């Protein structure tokens, strides 16, 4: 049985910042959504794990769907922040594709990333659902863009760009199903290996075998960090108490 991580500490002191407490709510809710399923996990479960009252939760979120939306936003923010340097740093299409794969793998391993991959976006309000699906289409376009660029610059062999992008994305999404932090592989190791394994099939012979320097480039892509929770907390207005 997986170890239950408690995020209740921020609520033990009244002086803790609101952002820190919001972070605790989101992390606890994300863990419960993944553990029990979105429908089975209740706000009472979240409150109990945080050792606060259910009523206190309404100081941070108006309901479970708003918490889910925030988890999705954080998963997206982690990915967006990690992938920013890819185009700026340049390189071949294959190099960019490998970096994007690593970013996506690291996202899929995080709790908020797992929410993005494993939880049904049909549970979101209509406007949020439309936003999430548009972002997923954007991910697909980026995979296709780097594959096409690689074909053009000779680092990727000619292939069906659409099918290659689908195969890579499908493999990456499956990480969220099987990866366990308690396992023998670190998140970084999984991300590094997937960046190579998922591209060796499309890389040209000359580009297929990475030198030590190239492998270092892949590993240097920044690991995802959850500090962006504070942005969500600052952007939100306090919810009204439930009646």
Protein backbone atom coordinates (compact mmCIF):
# COMPACT_ATOMS: atom_id res chain seq x y z
CA UNK A 1 0.00 0.00 0.00
CA UNK A 2 1.35 3.44 -0.93
CA UNK A 3 2.48 5.65 1.90
CA UNK A 4 0.07 8.50 2.63
CA UNK A 5 1.86 11.83 2.64
CA UNK A 6 0.36 14.40 4.98
CA UNK A 7 0.19 18.06 3.96
CA UNK A 8 -1.60 19.18 7.14
CA UNK A 9 1.38 20.95 8.71
CA UNK A 10 0.59 24.43 7.27
CA UNK A 11 -2.78 24.38 9.03
CA UNK A 12 -1.19 23.82 12.42
CA UNK A 13 -0.20 27.49 12.59
CA UNK A 14 -2.61 30.33 11.92
CA UNK A 15 0.24 32.56 10.78
CA UNK A 16 1.10 30.39 7.77
CA UNK A 17 0.61 32.16 4.43
CA UNK A 18 -2.59 31.59 2.53
CA UNK A 19 -0.65 30.36 -0.51
CA UNK A 20 1.01 27.66 1.59
CA UNK A 21 -2.35 26.46 2.87
CA UNK A 22 -3.84 26.53 -0.63
CA UNK A 23 -0.89 24.46 -1.76
CA UNK A 24 -1.61 21.92 0.99
CA UNK A 25 -5.28 21.68 -0.02
CA UNK A 26 -4.38 21.10 -3.67
CA UNK A 27 -1.71 18.51 -2.98
CA UNK A 28 -3.96 16.60 -0.62
CA UNK A 29 -6.91 16.73 -3.00
CA UNK A 30 -4.76 15.65 -5.96
CA UNK A 31 -3.46 12.67 -4.00
CA UNK A 32 -7.00 11.65 -2.99
CA UNK A 33 -8.39 12.07 -6.51
CA UNK A 34 -5.65 9.74 -7.77
CA UNK A 35 -6.02 7.29 -4.89
CA UNK A 36 -9.82 7.03 -4.70
CA UNK A 37 -10.99 8.47 -7.99
CA UNK A 38 -12.55 11.90 -8.45
CA UNK A 39 -16.11 10.76 -7.73
CA UNK A 40 -15.30 8.75 -4.61
CA UNK A 41 -13.02 11.36 -3.06
CA UNK A 42 -15.02 13.92 -1.09
CA UNK A 43 -14.26 17.30 0.42
CA UNK A 44 -14.76 15.64 3.79
CA UNK A 45 -11.92 13.25 2.91
CA UNK A 46 -9.68 16.18 2.00
CA UNK A 47 -10.53 18.01 5.22
CA UNK A 48 -9.96 14.89 7.33
CA UNK A 49 -6.52 14.31 5.86
CA UNK A 50 -5.62 17.95 6.50
CA UNK A 51 -7.04 17.74 10.03
CA UNK A 52 -9.38 20.70 9.45
CA UNK A 53 -13.15 21.06 9.13
CA UNK A 54 -14.91 20.74 5.81
CA UNK A 55 -16.26 24.26 6.31
CA UNK A 56 -12.69 25.59 6.51
CA UNK A 57 -12.01 24.28 3.00
CA UNK A 58 -14.52 26.75 1.60
CA UNK A 59 -12.15 29.55 2.59
CA UNK A 60 -9.92 28.33 -0.25
CA UNK A 61 -12.18 26.73 -2.86
CA UNK A 62 -15.89 26.86 -3.56
CA UNK A 63 -16.17 23.18 -4.44
CA UNK A 64 -14.53 20.02 -5.69
CA UNK A 65 -14.75 21.00 -9.35
CA UNK A 66 -12.80 24.20 -8.65
CA UNK A 67 -10.09 22.17 -6.93
CA UNK A 68 -9.92 19.83 -9.92
CA UNK A 69 -9.60 22.79 -12.27
CA UNK A 70 -6.75 24.19 -10.17
CA UNK A 71 -4.96 20.82 -10.28
CA UNK A 72 -5.27 20.80 -14.06
CA UNK A 73 -3.94 24.36 -14.26
CA UNK A 74 -0.91 23.47 -12.16
CA UNK A 75 -0.15 20.41 -14.25
CA UNK A 76 -0.25 22.58 -17.35
CA UNK A 77 1.87 25.28 -15.73
CA UNK A 78 4.57 22.79 -14.80
CA UNK A 79 4.79 21.63 -18.40
CA UNK A 80 4.63 25.15 -19.85
CA UNK A 81 7.44 26.43 -17.63
CA UNK A 82 9.69 23.46 -18.34
CA UNK A 83 9.33 23.62 -22.11
CA UNK A 84 9.95 27.36 -22.50
CA UNK A 85 13.71 27.05 -23.13
CA UNK A 86 13.39 24.40 -25.87
CA UNK A 87 12.98 26.70 -28.87
CA UNK A 88 15.25 29.35 -27.38
CA UNK A 89 18.12 26.90 -26.97
CA UNK A 90 17.84 25.72 -30.57
CA UNK A 91 19.14 22.43 -31.94
CA UNK A 92 17.89 19.84 -34.38
CA UNK A 93 14.31 18.65 -34.49
CA UNK A 94 15.42 15.42 -32.79
CA UNK A 95 17.11 17.29 -29.95
CA UNK A 96 14.04 19.45 -29.39
CA UNK A 97 11.77 16.41 -29.52
CA UNK A 98 13.85 14.64 -26.89
CA UNK A 99 13.72 17.66 -24.61
CA UNK A 100 9.94 17.93 -25.02
CA UNK A 101 9.55 14.23 -24.24
CA UNK A 102 11.59 14.67 -21.06
CA UNK A 103 9.50 17.66 -19.98
CA UNK A 104 6.28 15.77 -20.63
CA UNK A 105 7.52 12.67 -18.80
CA UNK A 106 8.44 14.72 -15.73
CA UNK A 107 5.02 16.36 -15.81
CA UNK A 108 3.23 12.98 -16.06
CA UNK A 109 5.13 11.74 -13.01
CA UNK A 110 4.10 14.63 -10.74
CA UNK A 111 0.80 14.51 -8.82
CA UNK A 112 -0.66 17.46 -10.69
CA UNK A 113 0.55 16.02 -13.98
CA UNK A 114 -1.06 12.69 -13.15
CA UNK A 115 -4.33 14.54 -12.58
CA UNK A 116 -3.98 16.04 -16.03
CA UNK A 117 -3.37 12.63 -17.61
CA UNK A 118 -5.53 10.27 -15.55
CA UNK A 119 -8.60 12.27 -14.50
CA UNK A 120 -11.49 12.73 -16.90
CA UNK A 121 -11.66 16.30 -18.21
CA UNK A 122 -15.43 15.84 -18.65
CA UNK A 123 -15.67 16.50 -14.91
CA UNK A 124 -14.53 20.08 -15.48
CA UNK A 125 -16.90 23.01 -16.08
CA UNK A 126 -17.50 23.55 -19.79
CA UNK A 127 -15.18 26.55 -20.16
CA UNK A 128 -12.34 24.83 -18.32
CA UNK A 129 -12.85 21.65 -20.32
CA UNK A 130 -12.57 23.59 -23.58
CA UNK A 131 -9.34 25.20 -22.35
CA UNK A 132 -7.81 21.86 -21.37
CA UNK A 133 -8.68 20.22 -24.67
CA UNK A 134 -7.24 23.16 -26.61
CA UNK A 135 -4.01 22.78 -24.62
CA UNK A 136 -3.85 19.06 -25.43
CA UNK A 137 -4.19 19.88 -29.12
CA UNK A 138 -1.34 22.35 -28.69
CA UNK A 139 0.83 19.58 -27.21
CA UNK A 140 0.11 17.41 -30.24
CA UNK A 141 1.08 20.24 -32.58
CA UNK A 142 4.40 20.69 -30.78
CA UNK A 143 5.27 16.99 -31.07
CA UNK A 144 4.41 17.09 -34.76
CA UNK A 145 6.36 20.33 -35.27
CA UNK A 146 9.61 18.90 -33.90
CA UNK A 147 9.19 15.61 -35.78
CA UNK A 148 8.60 17.50 -39.03
CA UNK A 149 11.59 19.75 -38.30
CA UNK A 150 13.74 16.69 -37.68
CA UNK A 151 12.69 15.16 -40.99
CA UNK A 152 13.56 18.43 -42.69
CA UNK A 153 17.01 18.77 -41.05
CA UNK A 154 17.88 15.09 -41.43
CA UNK A 155 17.94 14.13 -37.75
CA UNK A 156 14.68 12.17 -38.01
CA UNK A 157 13.92 9.59 -40.68
CA UNK A 158 10.92 10.06 -42.96
CA UNK A 159 7.80 8.81 -41.23
CA UNK A 160 4.11 9.55 -40.74
CA UNK A 161 4.35 12.63 -38.52
CA UNK A 162 0.85 12.24 -37.10
CA UNK A 163 1.28 8.56 -36.17
CA UNK A 164 4.72 9.17 -34.68
CA UNK A 165 3.34 11.98 -32.50
CA UNK A 166 0.42 9.80 -31.35
CA UNK A 167 2.77 6.90 -30.50
CA UNK A 168 5.07 9.13 -28.44
CA UNK A 169 2.24 10.90 -26.59
CA UNK A 170 0.49 7.61 -25.83
CA UNK A 171 3.64 6.11 -24.34
CA UNK A 172 4.26 9.21 -22.24
CA UNK A 173 0.71 9.29 -20.89
CA UNK A 174 1.02 5.67 -19.79
CA UNK A 175 3.85 6.62 -17.40
CA UNK A 176 1.22 8.14 -15.09
CA UNK A 177 -0.42 4.70 -14.80
CA UNK A 178 2.61 2.68 -13.74
CA UNK A 179 5.20 5.00 -12.18
CA UNK A 180 5.60 4.82 -8.40
CA UNK A 181 7.89 7.13 -6.46
CA UNK A 182 8.78 4.20 -4.19
CA UNK A 183 10.07 2.18 -7.14
CA UNK A 184 13.67 1.59 -8.17
CA UNK A 185 13.72 4.30 -10.87
CA UNK A 186 13.84 8.01 -10.14
CA UNK A 187 11.62 10.39 -12.08
CA UNK A 188 14.70 11.87 -13.75
CA UNK A 189 15.93 8.43 -14.83
CA UNK A 190 12.58 7.54 -16.37
CA UNK A 191 12.38 10.88 -18.20
CA UNK A 192 15.95 10.60 -19.50
CA UNK A 193 15.47 7.05 -20.77
CA UNK A 194 12.10 7.77 -22.39
CA UNK A 195 13.65 10.73 -24.23
CA UNK A 196 16.02 8.25 -25.88
CA UNK A 197 13.82 5.15 -26.19
CA UNK A 198 10.88 6.97 -27.78
CA UNK A 199 13.03 8.64 -30.42
CA UNK A 200 15.51 5.93 -31.43
CA UNK A 201 12.85 4.44 -33.66
CA UNK A 202 12.50 7.64 -35.70
CA UNK A 203 16.05 9.02 -35.44
CA UNK A 204 18.31 8.67 -38.47
CA UNK A 205 21.26 6.29 -38.10
CA UNK A 206 23.75 9.12 -37.67
CA UNK A 207 21.66 10.77 -34.91
CA UNK A 208 20.50 7.60 -33.15
CA UNK A 209 23.46 7.00 -30.86
CA UNK A 210 23.88 9.94 -28.53
CA UNK A 211 27.28 11.01 -27.38
CA UNK A 212 27.85 11.64 -23.68
CA UNK A 213 27.57 15.36 -24.35
CA UNK A 214 24.20 14.96 -26.08
CA UNK A 215 22.86 12.82 -23.24
CA UNK A 216 23.97 15.51 -20.82
CA UNK A 217 21.97 18.08 -22.80
CA UNK A 218 18.84 16.00 -22.35
CA UNK A 219 19.46 15.60 -18.63
CA UNK A 220 20.05 19.32 -18.16
CA UNK A 221 16.44 20.19 -19.00
CA UNK A 222 15.11 21.62 -15.75
CA UNK A 223 13.13 19.30 -13.51
CA UNK A 224 9.59 20.41 -12.81
CA UNK A 225 9.00 22.17 -9.52
CA UNK A 226 5.63 22.86 -7.86
CA UNK A 227 6.41 26.40 -6.67
CA UNK A 228 3.97 27.71 -9.26
CA UNK A 229 1.16 26.89 -6.81
CA UNK A 230 1.70 30.33 -5.33
CA UNK A 231 0.71 31.95 -8.63
CA UNK A 232 -2.61 30.15 -8.61
CA UNK A 233 -3.19 31.22 -5.01
CA UNK A 234 -2.44 34.86 -5.79
CA UNK A 235 -4.61 34.81 -8.90
CA UNK A 236 -7.66 33.50 -7.09
CA UNK A 237 -10.02 35.50 -4.92
CA UNK A 238 -11.12 33.95 -1.62
CA UNK A 239 -14.24 31.85 -2.12
CA UNK A 240 -17.38 32.62 -0.17
CA UNK A 241 -18.28 30.31 2.67
CA UNK A 242 -20.87 27.61 1.91
CA UNK A 243 -24.34 28.36 3.06
